[in-house]
C-alpha atoms as a PDB file:
ATOM      1  CA  UNK A   1      72.762  47.219  22.805  1.00  0.00           C
ATOM      2  CA  UNK A   2      73.032  47.078  19.007  1.00  0.00           C
ATOM      3  CA  UNK A   3      74.703  43.844  17.878  1.00  0.00           C
ATOM      4  CA  UNK A   4      75.839  44.312  14.291  1.00  0.00           C
ATOM      5  CA  UNK A   5      76.844  41.177  12.431  1.00  0.00           C
ATOM      6  CA  UNK A   6      77.092  42.907   9.054  1.00  0.00           C
ATOM      7  CA  UNK A   7      78.668  46.334   9.657  1.00  0.00           C
ATOM      8  CA  UNK A   8      81.631  47.568  11.660  1.00  0.00           C
ATOM      9  CA  UNK A   9      81.166  49.997  14.583  1.00  0.00           C
ATOM     10  CA  UNK A  10      82.620  52.770  12.399  1.00  0.00           C
ATOM     11  CA  UNK A  11      79.987  52.142   9.707  1.00  0.00           C
ATOM     12  CA  UNK A  12      77.204  52.111  12.291  1.00  0.00           C
ATOM     13  CA  UNK A  13      78.515  55.377  13.749  1.00  0.00           C
ATOM     14  CA  UNK A  14      78.522  57.070  10.317  1.00  0.00           C
ATOM     15  CA  UNK A  15      74.907  56.049   9.772  1.00  0.00           C
ATOM     16  CA  UNK A  16      73.869  57.190  13.250  1.00  0.00           C
ATOM     17  CA  UNK A  17      75.560  60.578  12.788  1.00  0.00           C
ATOM     18  CA  UNK A  18      73.857  61.081   9.421  1.00  0.00           C
ATOM     19  CA  UNK A  19      70.471  60.326  10.967  1.00  0.00           C
ATOM     20  CA  UNK A  20      71.145  62.382  14.083  1.00  0.00           C
ATOM     21  CA  UNK A  21      70.605  59.267  16.191  1.00  0.00           C
ATOM     22  CA  UNK A  22      73.972  59.033  17.946  1.00  0.00           C
ATOM     23  CA  UNK A  23      73.217  58.595  21.649  1.00  0.00           C
ATOM     24  CA  UNK A  24      75.472  58.250  24.678  1.00  0.00           C
ATOM     25  CA  UNK A  25      73.542  55.252  25.979  1.00  0.00           C
ATOM     26  CA  UNK A  26      73.902  53.274  22.722  1.00  0.00           C
ATOM     27  CA  UNK A  27      76.390  50.405  22.867  1.00  0.00           C
ATOM     28  CA  UNK A  28      77.481  48.874  19.546  1.00  0.00           C
ATOM     29  CA  UNK A  29      78.852  45.340  19.415  1.00  0.00           C
ATOM     30  CA  UNK A  30      80.332  43.952  16.178  1.00  0.00           C
ATOM     31  CA  UNK A  31      79.802  40.221  16.642  1.00  0.00           C
ATOM     32  CA  UNK A  32      78.495  37.237  14.672  1.00  0.00           C
ATOM     33  CA  UNK A  33      78.528  34.636  17.468  1.00  0.00           C
ATOM     34  CA  UNK A  34      75.118  34.380  19.143  1.00  0.00           C
ATOM     35  CA  UNK A  35      76.588  33.077  22.414  1.00  0.00           C
ATOM     36  CA  UNK A  36      78.941  36.054  22.704  1.00  0.00           C
ATOM     37  CA  UNK A  37      76.107  38.475  21.947  1.00  0.00           C
ATOM     38  CA  UNK A  38      74.035  36.899  24.721  1.00  0.00           C
ATOM     39  CA  UNK A  39      77.004  36.925  27.119  1.00  0.00           C
ATOM     40  CA  UNK A  40      77.595  40.637  26.501  1.00  0.00           C
ATOM     41  CA  UNK A  41      73.891  41.391  26.889  1.00  0.00           C
ATOM     42  CA  UNK A  42      73.758  39.393  30.137  1.00  0.00           C
ATOM     43  CA  UNK A  43      76.725  41.361  31.485  1.00  0.00           C
ATOM     44  CA  UNK A  44      75.535  44.801  30.349  1.00  0.00           C
ATOM     45  CA  UNK A  45      71.797  44.223  31.010  1.00  0.00           C
ATOM     46  CA  UNK A  46      70.545  46.641  28.313  1.00  0.00           C
ATOM     47  CA  UNK A  47      66.991  47.949  28.139  1.00  0.00           C
ATOM     48  CA  UNK A  48      66.811  46.741  24.523  1.00  0.00           C
ATOM     49  CA  UNK A  49      68.843  44.334  22.379  1.00  0.00           C
ATOM     50  CA  UNK A  50      68.859  44.699  18.573  1.00  0.00           C
ATOM     51  CA  UNK A  51      70.462  41.978  16.439  1.00  0.00           C
ATOM     52  CA  UNK A  52      71.251  42.902  12.833  1.00  0.00           C
ATOM     53  CA  UNK A  53      70.733  40.498  11.235  1.00  0.00           C
ATOM     54  CA  UNK A  54      69.487  37.071  12.288  1.00  0.00           C
ATOM     55  CA  UNK A  55      70.732  35.628   8.966  1.00  0.00           C
ATOM     56  CA  UNK A  56      74.291  36.840   9.666  1.00  0.00           C
ATOM     57  CA  UNK A  57      74.519  35.507  13.234  1.00  0.00           C
ATOM     58  CA  UNK A  58      75.572  31.912  13.892  1.00  0.00           C
ATOM     59  CA  UNK A  59      75.777  29.403  16.706  1.00  0.00           C
ATOM     60  CA  UNK A  60      79.390  28.215  17.037  1.00  0.00           C
ATOM     61  CA  UNK A  61      78.126  24.814  18.169  1.00  0.00           C
ATOM     62  CA  UNK A  62      76.879  24.092  14.648  1.00  0.00           C
ATOM     63  CA  UNK A  63      79.183  23.452  11.704  1.00  0.00           C
ATOM     64  CA  UNK A  64      76.869  24.972   9.094  1.00  0.00           C
ATOM     65  CA  UNK A  65      77.299  28.480   7.716  1.00  0.00           C
ATOM     66  CA  UNK A  66      75.368  31.515   8.923  1.00  0.00           C
ATOM     67  CA  UNK A  67      72.042  31.989   7.194  1.00  0.00           C
ATOM     68  CA  UNK A  68      71.246  28.291   6.783  1.00  0.00           C
ATOM     69  CA  UNK A  69      67.949  26.924   8.065  1.00  0.00           C
ATOM     70  CA  UNK A  70      69.538  25.209  11.066  1.00  0.00           C
ATOM     71  CA  UNK A  71      71.567  28.296  12.036  1.00  0.00           C
ATOM     72  CA  UNK A  72      68.636  30.717  11.778  1.00  0.00           C
ATOM     73  CA  UNK A  73      66.409  28.364  13.767  1.00  0.00           C
ATOM     74  CA  UNK A  74      68.989  27.759  16.521  1.00  0.00           C
ATOM     75  CA  UNK A  75      70.184  31.363  16.905  1.00  0.00           C
ATOM     76  CA  UNK A  76      66.584  32.550  16.923  1.00  0.00           C
ATOM     77  CA  UNK A  77      65.808  30.044  19.667  1.00  0.00           C
ATOM     78  CA  UNK A  78      68.845  31.129  21.735  1.00  0.00           C
ATOM     79  CA  UNK A  79      67.960  34.817  21.512  1.00  0.00           C
ATOM     80  CA  UNK A  80      64.291  34.140  22.280  1.00  0.00           C
ATOM     81  CA  UNK A  81      65.235  32.200  25.419  1.00  0.00           C
ATOM     82  CA  UNK A  82      67.444  35.105  26.495  1.00  0.00           C
ATOM     83  CA  UNK A  83      64.591  37.584  25.972  1.00  0.00           C
ATOM     84  CA  UNK A  84      62.092  35.486  27.947  1.00  0.00           C
ATOM     85  CA  UNK A  85      64.527  34.588  30.701  1.00  0.00           C
ATOM     86  CA  UNK A  86      65.974  38.062  31.271  1.00  0.00           C
ATOM     87  CA  UNK A  87      62.854  40.080  30.486  1.00  0.00           C
ATOM     88  CA  UNK A  88      64.714  42.140  27.872  1.00  0.00           C
ATOM     89  CA  UNK A  89      62.979  43.089  24.594  1.00  0.00           C
ATOM     90  CA  UNK A  90      64.923  41.739  21.607  1.00  0.00           C
ATOM     91  CA  UNK A  91      64.503  42.981  18.034  1.00  0.00           C
ATOM     92  CA  UNK A  92      65.743  40.555  15.383  1.00  0.00           C
ATOM     93  CA  UNK A  93      66.281  42.229  12.018  1.00  0.00           C
ATOM     94  CA  UNK A  94      65.766  39.772   9.172  1.00  0.00           C
ATOM     95  CA  UNK A  95      66.076  39.639   5.418  1.00  0.00           C
ATOM     96  CA  UNK A  96      63.091  39.094   3.134  1.00  0.00           C
ATOM     97  CA  UNK A  97      62.781  37.122  -0.085  1.00  0.00           C
ATOM     98  CA  UNK A  98      61.767  38.525  -3.466  1.00  0.00           C
ATOM     99  CA  UNK A  99      58.099  37.829  -2.742  1.00  0.00           C
ATOM    100  CA  UNK A 100      58.298  39.777   0.529  1.00  0.00           C
ATOM    101  CA  UNK A 101      58.224  36.830   2.947  1.00  0.00           C
ATOM    102  CA  UNK A 102      60.705  36.419   5.789  1.00  0.00           C
ATOM    103  CA  UNK A 103      63.851  34.576   4.705  1.00  0.00           C
ATOM    104  CA  UNK A 104      64.636  31.434   6.673  1.00  0.00           C
ATOM    105  CA  UNK A 105      62.566  28.717   8.338  1.00  0.00           C
ATOM    106  CA  UNK A 106      58.917  29.281   9.242  1.00  0.00           C
ATOM    107  CA  UNK A 107      59.782  28.139  12.760  1.00  0.00           C
ATOM    108  CA  UNK A 108      61.439  31.527  13.342  1.00  0.00           C
ATOM    109  CA  UNK A 109      58.075  33.270  12.961  1.00  0.00           C
ATOM    110  CA  UNK A 110      56.561  30.868  15.507  1.00  0.00           C
ATOM    111  CA  UNK A 111      59.339  31.580  18.032  1.00  0.00           C
ATOM    112  CA  UNK A 112      58.891  35.349  18.189  1.00  0.00           C
ATOM    113  CA  UNK A 113      56.052  37.420  19.638  1.00  0.00           C
ATOM    114  CA  UNK A 114      55.651  39.827  16.726  1.00  0.00           C
ATOM    115  CA  UNK A 115      56.576  39.996  13.049  1.00  0.00           C
ATOM    116  CA  UNK A 116      56.732  43.521  11.636  1.00  0.00           C
ATOM    117  CA  UNK A 117      57.648  44.183   8.023  1.00  0.00           C
ATOM    118  CA  UNK A 118      58.618  47.289   6.073  1.00  0.00           C
ATOM    119  CA  UNK A 119      56.931  47.467   2.667  1.00  0.00           C
ATOM    120  CA  UNK A 120      57.295  49.886  -0.216  1.00  0.00           C
ATOM    121  CA  UNK A 121      58.317  50.280  -3.832  1.00  0.00           C
ATOM    122  CA  UNK A 122      61.927  51.219  -4.535  1.00  0.00           C
ATOM    123  CA  UNK A 123      60.726  54.159  -6.630  1.00  0.00           C
ATOM    124  CA  UNK A 124      58.487  55.485  -3.834  1.00  0.00           C
ATOM    125  CA  UNK A 125      59.543  57.596  -0.856  1.00  0.00           C
ATOM    126  CA  UNK A 126      56.790  56.042   1.286  1.00  0.00           C
ATOM    127  CA  UNK A 127      57.217  52.976   3.467  1.00  0.00           C
ATOM    128  CA  UNK A 128      54.532  50.982   5.253  1.00  0.00           C
ATOM    129  CA  UNK A 129      55.268  49.376   8.604  1.00  0.00           C
ATOM    130  CA  UNK A 130      52.895  46.413   8.997  1.00  0.00           C
ATOM    131  CA  UNK A 131      52.458  43.838  11.769  1.00  0.00           C
ATOM    132  CA  UNK A 132      51.620  40.382  10.383  1.00  0.00           C
ATOM    133  CA  UNK A 133      51.899  38.694  13.791  1.00  0.00           C
ATOM    134  CA  UNK A 134      51.402  40.286  17.192  1.00  0.00           C
ATOM    135  CA  UNK A 135      50.822  38.417  20.445  1.00  0.00           C
ATOM    136  CA  UNK A 136      50.256  41.704  22.266  1.00  0.00           C
ATOM    137  CA  UNK A 137      47.808  43.421  19.908  1.00  0.00           C
ATOM    138  CA  UNK A 138      45.906  43.331  16.639  1.00  0.00           C
ATOM    139  CA  UNK A 139      47.538  41.948  13.509  1.00  0.00           C
ATOM    140  CA  UNK A 140      47.641  43.855  10.217  1.00  0.00           C
ATOM    141  CA  UNK A 141      48.168  47.119  12.095  1.00  0.00           C
ATOM    142  CA  UNK A 142      50.096  49.554   9.937  1.00  0.00           C
ATOM    143  CA  UNK A 143      51.786  52.922   9.995  1.00  0.00           C
ATOM    144  CA  UNK A 144      52.832  55.044   7.032  1.00  0.00           C
ATOM    145  CA  UNK A 145      56.284  56.618   6.905  1.00  0.00           C
ATOM    146  CA  UNK A 146      58.206  58.878   4.554  1.00  0.00           C
ATOM    147  CA  UNK A 147      61.861  58.305   3.683  1.00  0.00           C
ATOM    148  CA  UNK A 148      63.847  61.462   4.408  1.00  0.00           C
ATOM    149  CA  UNK A 149      67.517  62.370   4.688  1.00  0.00           C
ATOM    150  CA  UNK A 150      67.162  61.891   8.442  1.00  0.00           C
ATOM    151  CA  UNK A 151      65.508  58.477   8.256  1.00  0.00           C
ATOM    152  CA  UNK A 152      61.874  57.433   8.431  1.00  0.00           C
ATOM    153  CA  UNK A 153      59.386  60.124   9.422  1.00  0.00           C
ATOM    154  CA  UNK A 154      55.861  59.072  10.418  1.00  0.00           C
ATOM    155  CA  UNK A 155      52.985  60.468   8.357  1.00  0.00           C
ATOM    156  CA  UNK A 156      50.392  61.593  10.894  1.00  0.00           C
ATOM    157  CA  UNK A 157      47.402  61.449   8.509  1.00  0.00           C
ATOM    158  CA  UNK A 158      47.905  58.514   6.096  1.00  0.00           C
ATOM    159  CA  UNK A 159      44.558  58.979   4.319  1.00  0.00           C
ATOM    160  CA  UNK A 160      45.336  62.597   3.482  1.00  0.00           C
ATOM    161  CA  UNK A 161      48.813  61.635   2.259  1.00  0.00           C
ATOM    162  CA  UNK A 162      47.504  58.800   0.060  1.00  0.00           C
ATOM    163  CA  UNK A 163      45.014  61.157  -1.619  1.00  0.00           C
ATOM    164  CA  UNK A 164      47.305  64.204  -1.840  1.00  0.00           C
ATOM    165  CA  UNK A 165      48.173  63.707  -5.527  1.00  0.00           C
ATOM    166  CA  UNK A 166      44.704  62.664  -6.663  1.00  0.00           C
ATOM    167  CA  UNK A 167      43.318  64.746  -9.522  1.00  0.00           C
ATOM    168  CA  UNK A 168      39.643  65.570  -9.222  1.00  0.00           C
ATOM    169  CA  UNK A 169      36.955  64.966 -11.805  1.00  0.00           C
ATOM    170  CA  UNK A 170      38.728  62.281 -13.842  1.00  0.00           C
ATOM    171  CA  UNK A 171      36.929  59.143 -15.070  1.00  0.00           C
ATOM    172  CA  UNK A 172      38.309  55.930 -13.610  1.00  0.00           C
ATOM    173  CA  UNK A 173      39.294  57.432 -10.245  1.00  0.00           C
ATOM    174  CA  UNK A 174      37.385  56.419  -7.104  1.00  0.00           C
ATOM    175  CA  UNK A 175      38.103  56.825  -3.392  1.00  0.00           C
ATOM    176  CA  UNK A 176      37.469  53.802  -1.188  1.00  0.00           C
ATOM    177  CA  UNK A 177      37.602  53.279   2.572  1.00  0.00           C
ATOM    178  CA  UNK A 178      39.645  50.267   3.598  1.00  0.00           C
ATOM    179  CA  UNK A 179      40.765  48.778   6.903  1.00  0.00           C
ATOM    180  CA  UNK A 180      44.330  48.100   8.010  1.00  0.00           C
ATOM    181  CA  UNK A 181      44.131  46.353  11.370  1.00  0.00           C
ATOM    182  CA  UNK A 182      41.999  48.639  13.529  1.00  0.00           C
ATOM    183  CA  UNK A 183      42.673  51.717  11.390  1.00  0.00           C
ATOM    184  CA  UNK A 184      40.476  53.052   8.587  1.00  0.00           C
ATOM    185  CA  UNK A 185      42.241  54.444   5.533  1.00  0.00           C
ATOM    186  CA  UNK A 186      41.077  56.225   2.413  1.00  0.00           C
ATOM    187  CA  UNK A 187      42.795  55.170  -0.798  1.00  0.00           C
ATOM    188  CA  UNK A 188      42.398  55.914  -4.489  1.00  0.00           C
ATOM    189  CA  UNK A 189      41.421  53.086  -6.829  1.00  0.00           C
ATOM    190  CA  UNK A 190      42.172  53.764 -10.493  1.00  0.00           C
ATOM    191  CA  UNK A 191      40.913  51.866 -13.531  1.00  0.00           C
ATOM    192  CA  UNK A 192      41.661  52.097 -17.235  1.00  0.00           C
ATOM    193  CA  UNK A 193      39.467  50.241 -19.718  1.00  0.00           C
ATOM    194  CA  UNK A 194      40.787  50.133 -23.262  1.00  0.00           C
ATOM    195  CA  UNK A 195      39.045  49.529 -26.594  1.00  0.00           C
ATOM    196  CA  UNK A 196      38.358  45.955 -27.772  1.00  0.00           C
ATOM    197  CA  UNK A 197      41.481  44.117 -28.972  1.00  0.00           C
ATOM    198  CA  UNK A 198      41.893  40.905 -30.985  1.00  0.00           C
ATOM    199  CA  UNK A 199      42.979  37.801 -29.119  1.00  0.00           C
ATOM    200  CA  UNK A 200      43.178  37.590 -25.352  1.00  0.00           C
ATOM    201  CA  UNK A 201      42.973  41.018 -23.672  1.00  0.00           C
ATOM    202  CA  UNK A 202      45.211  41.760 -20.695  1.00  0.00           C
ATOM    203  CA  UNK A 203      43.650  42.036 -17.241  1.00  0.00           C
ATOM    204  CA  UNK A 204      46.162  43.601 -14.823  1.00  0.00           C
ATOM    205  CA  UNK A 205      45.732  44.381 -11.109  1.00  0.00           C
ATOM    206  CA  UNK A 206      48.381  46.345  -9.177  1.00  0.00           C
ATOM    207  CA  UNK A 207      48.010  46.535  -5.401  1.00  0.00           C
ATOM    208  CA  UNK A 208      44.696  44.683  -5.682  1.00  0.00           C
ATOM    209  CA  UNK A 209      43.756  40.994  -5.782  1.00  0.00           C
ATOM    210  CA  UNK A 210      43.803  39.707  -9.414  1.00  0.00           C
ATOM    211  CA  UNK A 211      41.331  36.982  -8.449  1.00  0.00           C
ATOM    212  CA  UNK A 212      38.845  39.546  -7.177  1.00  0.00           C
ATOM    213  CA  UNK A 213      39.254  41.521 -10.408  1.00  0.00           C
ATOM    214  CA  UNK A 214      38.390  38.443 -12.489  1.00  0.00           C
ATOM    215  CA  UNK A 215      35.291  37.862 -10.350  1.00  0.00           C
ATOM    216  CA  UNK A 216      34.161  41.485 -10.633  1.00  0.00           C
ATOM    217  CA  UNK A 217      34.608  41.516 -14.409  1.00  0.00           C
ATOM    218  CA  UNK A 218      32.367  38.451 -14.679  1.00  0.00           C
ATOM    219  CA  UNK A 219      29.736  40.067 -12.443  1.00  0.00           C
ATOM    220  CA  UNK A 220      29.834  43.234 -14.562  1.00  0.00           C
ATOM    221  CA  UNK A 221      29.348  41.224 -17.756  1.00  0.00           C
ATOM    222  CA  UNK A 222      26.205  39.748 -16.200  1.00  0.00           C
ATOM    223  CA  UNK A 223      25.094  43.300 -15.405  1.00  0.00           C
ATOM    224  CA  UNK A 224      25.208  44.281 -19.116  1.00  0.00           C
ATOM    225  CA  UNK A 225      28.526  46.142 -18.919  1.00  0.00           C
ATOM    226  CA  UNK A 226      30.394  45.595 -22.203  1.00  0.00           C
ATOM    227  CA  UNK A 227      33.882  44.557 -21.113  1.00  0.00           C
ATOM    228  CA  UNK A 228      34.410  41.468 -23.271  1.00  0.00           C
ATOM    229  CA  UNK A 229      37.553  41.738 -25.385  1.00  0.00           C
ATOM    230  CA  UNK A 230      38.745  44.925 -23.669  1.00  0.00           C
ATOM    231  CA  UNK A 231      42.037  45.352 -21.863  1.00  0.00           C
ATOM    232  CA  UNK A 232      41.524  46.249 -18.212  1.00  0.00           C
ATOM    233  CA  UNK A 233      44.032  47.761 -15.788  1.00  0.00           C
ATOM    234  CA  UNK A 234      43.254  48.529 -12.145  1.00  0.00           C
ATOM    235  CA  UNK A 235      45.579  49.934  -9.511  1.00  0.00           C
ATOM    236  CA  UNK A 236      45.603  51.148  -5.929  1.00  0.00           C
ATOM    237  CA  UNK A 237      47.468  54.442  -6.126  1.00  0.00           C
ATOM    238  CA  UNK A 238      50.116  55.439  -3.608  1.00  0.00           C
ATOM    239  CA  UNK A 239      51.767  52.037  -3.211  1.00  0.00           C
ATOM    240  CA  UNK A 240      49.131  50.700  -0.808  1.00  0.00           C
ATOM    241  CA  UNK A 241      47.993  47.092  -1.232  1.00  0.00           C
ATOM    242  CA  UNK A 242      44.302  46.474  -0.603  1.00  0.00           C
ATOM    243  CA  UNK A 243      43.351  42.823  -0.264  1.00  0.00           C
ATOM    244  CA  UNK A 244      39.997  43.025   1.519  1.00  0.00           C
ATOM    245  CA  UNK A 245      36.752  42.427  -0.439  1.00  0.00           C
ATOM    246  CA  UNK A 246      35.332  45.740   0.828  1.00  0.00           C
ATOM    247  CA  UNK A 247      37.141  47.416  -2.085  1.00  0.00           C
ATOM    248  CA  UNK A 248      34.979  45.504  -4.612  1.00  0.00           C
ATOM    249  CA  UNK A 249      32.376  48.227  -5.080  1.00  0.00           C
ATOM    250  CA  UNK A 250      35.061  50.886  -5.598  1.00  0.00           C
ATOM    251  CA  UNK A 251      36.769  48.743  -8.261  1.00  0.00           C
ATOM    252  CA  UNK A 252      33.437  48.323 -10.045  1.00  0.00           C
ATOM    253  CA  UNK A 253      32.797  52.076  -9.848  1.00  0.00           C
ATOM    254  CA  UNK A 254      36.248  52.829 -11.291  1.00  0.00           C
ATOM    255  CA  UNK A 255      35.760  50.345 -14.144  1.00  0.00           C
ATOM    256  CA  UNK A 256      32.307  51.673 -15.034  1.00  0.00           C
ATOM    257  CA  UNK A 257      33.552  55.261 -14.798  1.00  0.00           C
ATOM    258  CA  UNK A 258      36.508  54.585 -17.109  1.00  0.00           C
ATOM    259  CA  UNK A 259      34.350  52.703 -19.593  1.00  0.00           C
ATOM    260  CA  UNK A 260      31.627  55.358 -19.748  1.00  0.00           C
ATOM    261  CA  UNK A 261      33.976  58.343 -19.590  1.00  0.00           C
ATOM    262  CA  UNK A 262      31.943  59.806 -16.717  1.00  0.00           C
ATOM    263  CA  UNK A 263      33.628  60.665 -13.439  1.00  0.00           C
ATOM    264  CA  UNK A 264      32.119  59.431 -10.188  1.00  0.00           C
ATOM    265  CA  UNK A 265      30.515  62.436  -8.418  1.00  0.00           C
ATOM    266  CA  UNK A 266      33.114  64.404  -6.475  1.00  0.00           C
ATOM    267  CA  UNK A 267      33.108  64.079  -2.719  1.00  0.00           C
ATOM    268  CA  UNK A 268      32.150  60.396  -2.944  1.00  0.00           C
ATOM    269  CA  UNK A 269      33.590  57.430  -1.064  1.00  0.00           C
ATOM    270  CA  UNK A 270      32.686  53.920  -2.219  1.00  0.00           C
ATOM    271  CA  UNK A 271      33.018  50.606  -0.386  1.00  0.00           C
ATOM    272  CA  UNK A 272      31.265  47.236  -0.235  1.00  0.00           C
ATOM    273  CA  UNK A 273      31.820  43.555  -0.942  1.00  0.00           C
ATOM    274  CA  UNK A 274      30.286  42.009  -4.065  1.00  0.00           C
ATOM    275  CA  UNK A 275      29.059  38.412  -4.318  1.00  0.00           C
ATOM    276  CA  UNK A 276      29.018  36.155  -7.377  1.00  0.00           C
ATOM    277  CA  UNK A 277      25.330  36.852  -7.971  1.00  0.00           C
ATOM    278  CA  UNK A 278      25.861  40.601  -8.053  1.00  0.00           C
ATOM    279  CA  UNK A 279      24.615  41.277  -4.534  1.00  0.00           C
ATOM    280  CA  UNK A 280      26.405  43.896  -2.423  1.00  0.00           C
ATOM    281  CA  UNK A 281      27.274  42.458   0.985  1.00  0.00           C
ATOM    282  CA  UNK A 282      27.774  44.086   4.369  1.00  0.00           C
ATOM    283  CA  UNK A 283      31.318  44.886   5.496  1.00  0.00           C
ATOM    284  CA  UNK A 284      32.824  45.282   8.946  1.00  0.00           C
ATOM    285  CA  UNK A 285      33.485  48.607  10.690  1.00  0.00           C
ATOM    286  CA  UNK A 286      31.348  50.632   8.266  1.00  0.00           C
ATOM    287  CA  UNK A 287      30.870  53.457  10.786  1.00  0.00           C
ATOM    288  CA  UNK A 288      34.637  53.798  11.270  1.00  0.00           C
ATOM    289  CA  UNK A 289      35.161  53.933   7.500  1.00  0.00           C
ATOM    290  CA  UNK A 290      32.498  56.610   7.135  1.00  0.00           C
ATOM    291  CA  UNK A 291      33.969  58.590  10.030  1.00  0.00           C
ATOM    292  CA  UNK A 292      37.361  58.657   8.299  1.00  0.00           C
ATOM    293  CA  UNK A 293      35.738  59.889   5.071  1.00  0.00           C
ATOM    294  CA  UNK A 294      33.724  62.609   6.796  1.00  0.00           C
ATOM    295  CA  UNK A 295      36.849  63.747   8.623  1.00  0.00           C
ATOM    296  CA  UNK A 296      38.497  64.479   5.273  1.00  0.00           C
ATOM    297  CA  UNK A 297      35.517  66.398   3.935  1.00  0.00           C
ATOM    298  CA  UNK A 298      33.722  63.767   1.848  1.00  0.00           C
ATOM    299  CA  UNK A 299      30.000  64.382   1.561  1.00  0.00           C
ATOM    300  CA  UNK A 300      28.603  61.266  -0.154  1.00  0.00           C
ATOM    301  CA  UNK A 301      29.062  57.564   0.534  1.00  0.00           C
ATOM    302  CA  UNK A 302      28.023  54.573  -1.565  1.00  0.00           C
ATOM    303  CA  UNK A 303      27.895  51.558   0.741  1.00  0.00           C
ATOM    304  CA  UNK A 304      26.045  48.238   1.162  1.00  0.00           C
ATOM    305  CA  UNK A 305      22.367  48.641   1.988  1.00  0.00           C
ATOM    306  CA  UNK A 306      22.944  46.448   5.036  1.00  0.00           C
ATOM    307  CA  UNK A 307      25.396  49.019   6.415  1.00  0.00           C
ATOM    308  CA  UNK A 308      23.265  52.101   5.718  1.00  0.00           C
ATOM    309  CA  UNK A 309      22.127  52.390   9.336  1.00  0.00           C
ATOM    310  CA  UNK A 310      25.740  52.760  10.510  1.00  0.00           C
ATOM    311  CA  UNK A 311      26.096  55.928   8.427  1.00  0.00           C
ATOM    312  CA  UNK A 312      22.932  57.542   9.762  1.00  0.00           C
ATOM    313  CA  UNK A 313      24.705  59.441  12.528  1.00  0.00           C
ATOM    314  CA  UNK A 314      26.496  61.835  10.168  1.00  0.00           C
ATOM    315  CA  UNK A 315      24.065  64.710   9.454  1.00  0.00           C
ATOM    316  CA  UNK A 316      25.938  66.363   6.566  1.00  0.00           C
ATOM    317  CA  UNK A 317      26.556  63.101   4.706  1.00  0.00           C
ATOM    318  CA  UNK A 318      24.521  61.898   1.727  1.00  0.00           C
ATOM    319  CA  UNK A 319      24.104  58.137   2.154  1.00  0.00           C
ATOM    320  CA  UNK A 320      23.536  56.100  -1.035  1.00  0.00           C
ATOM    321  CA  UNK A 321      22.754  52.466  -0.109  1.00  0.00           C
ATOM    322  CA  UNK A 322      23.568  49.878  -2.796  1.00  0.00           C
ATOM    323  CA  UNK A 323      21.856  46.482  -2.902  1.00  0.00           C
ATOM    324  CA  UNK A 324      22.781  45.135  -6.366  1.00  0.00           C
ATOM    325  CA  UNK A 325      25.615  45.779  -8.808  1.00  0.00           C
ATOM    326  CA  UNK A 326      23.150  46.295 -11.662  1.00  0.00           C
ATOM    327  CA  UNK A 327      21.426  49.059  -9.666  1.00  0.00           C
ATOM    328  CA  UNK A 328      24.787  50.689  -8.933  1.00  0.00           C
ATOM    329  CA  UNK A 329      25.888  50.552 -12.577  1.00  0.00           C
ATOM    330  CA  UNK A 330      22.618  52.147 -13.673  1.00  0.00           C
ATOM    331  CA  UNK A 331      23.020  54.894 -11.077  1.00  0.00           C
ATOM    332  CA  UNK A 332      26.512  55.646 -12.399  1.00  0.00           C
ATOM    333  CA  UNK A 333      25.144  55.721 -15.954  1.00  0.00           C
ATOM    334  CA  UNK A 334      27.400  53.024 -17.362  1.00  0.00           C
ATOM    335  CA  UNK A 335      25.160  50.098 -18.298  1.00  0.00           C
ATOM    336  CA  UNK A 336      26.015  50.146 -21.991  1.00  0.00           C
ATOM    337  CA  UNK A 337      29.623  51.352 -22.002  1.00  0.00           C
ATOM    338  CA  UNK A 338      31.468  52.896 -24.920  1.00  0.00           C
ATOM    339  CA  UNK A 339      32.011  51.512 -28.355  1.00  0.00           C
END
C-alpha cells in the first residue's frame, strides 16, 4: 500500500510506468489523514505500507498544519503503533533540511527502528544509501547506486566505481581504504598545494573533515614540510564523504605528493590515523581494508606499524609499515617541498 499525500494516483502511475515498476499488487491511496491511512491499511492488510511523506500527513485531531513539529510527532507515533501492533513494515518517507538532517522533531528518529538517507550531489549521477540508525543491524552501512532513466541501479563494486575515473601517475592523488559500516571501500583522496600567498591562505576540505585537515597541516609543519602561507585544497573524489581518522595518512601522502610534484608509487593504498605528536596509530579492520585493496589489484600498502601483522597473509603484497609522519614524509621524498 503506497499512501501518497503529495501526488495524485495518476501522477504516481506515470512515474511507475516510466520506471517499469507498475505492479498488479500495488495499491495507491491519495490521502493526507493519518487515521484514514491506518484504517485502509488495517482493512487491506498489506505486506508493506509506504507513506509519502510524513511531513505532508496530518492527524485530524490536531488543529495545527501538516509538517509542524506536533503533527510530525503525532502522525509518526500513530503509524509506528500501527506497525508494531499489526506486524506490518512501514516506510516513512521524510524531507531533509539543507544540512542533510531529517526535517521535523528529533523524537521522530527515536520512534522508528531505522533511519536511512539518500545522499549525493545534484551534479552527480551517483547516490549513496546510508543507514544512520538501525535496530536490526550495523549503523553506517551504505550502498552505492547510479541514477538511470529507470530509477536507481545498485553498483555491485563500489570501490571499482569510485576509482574508475582516476588518472594514474599524477601528484596529489592517493588511494585510501575506508570503512562504511561493515564494508571496506577504496576511495581517491586528492590534494592541491598552491604557491605561497600574502595574507591568510585558504584551507579547503571537500568530503573530508576540515578539523582533521587543520590538525594534519600542523603535524606536517612540525615534520619540516613547508606549508606555511600556502593555499591547500583536499577532496575525496567521487562524492564520497570520509569522516574517519583512518584517512589521515592518505591525506598527508596527497599533500606531500602535491607539494613535491612526485606521484605516490602506483599500486599503493594508504591508510592510518595520525596523532598530534606525529605518531601513526592503529586502525580497526586493517585486514578487511587490505583484502579490498588486493582484490582490486593493488600491490603495495602503507599502513600503521601496529597493523602490519594483519597484512602478512597476502603473499603478493608489499607491506610498508609507518610509525611516524616524519619517516613517511622522508620515504615519499617530500621533506623540503617546493619553492
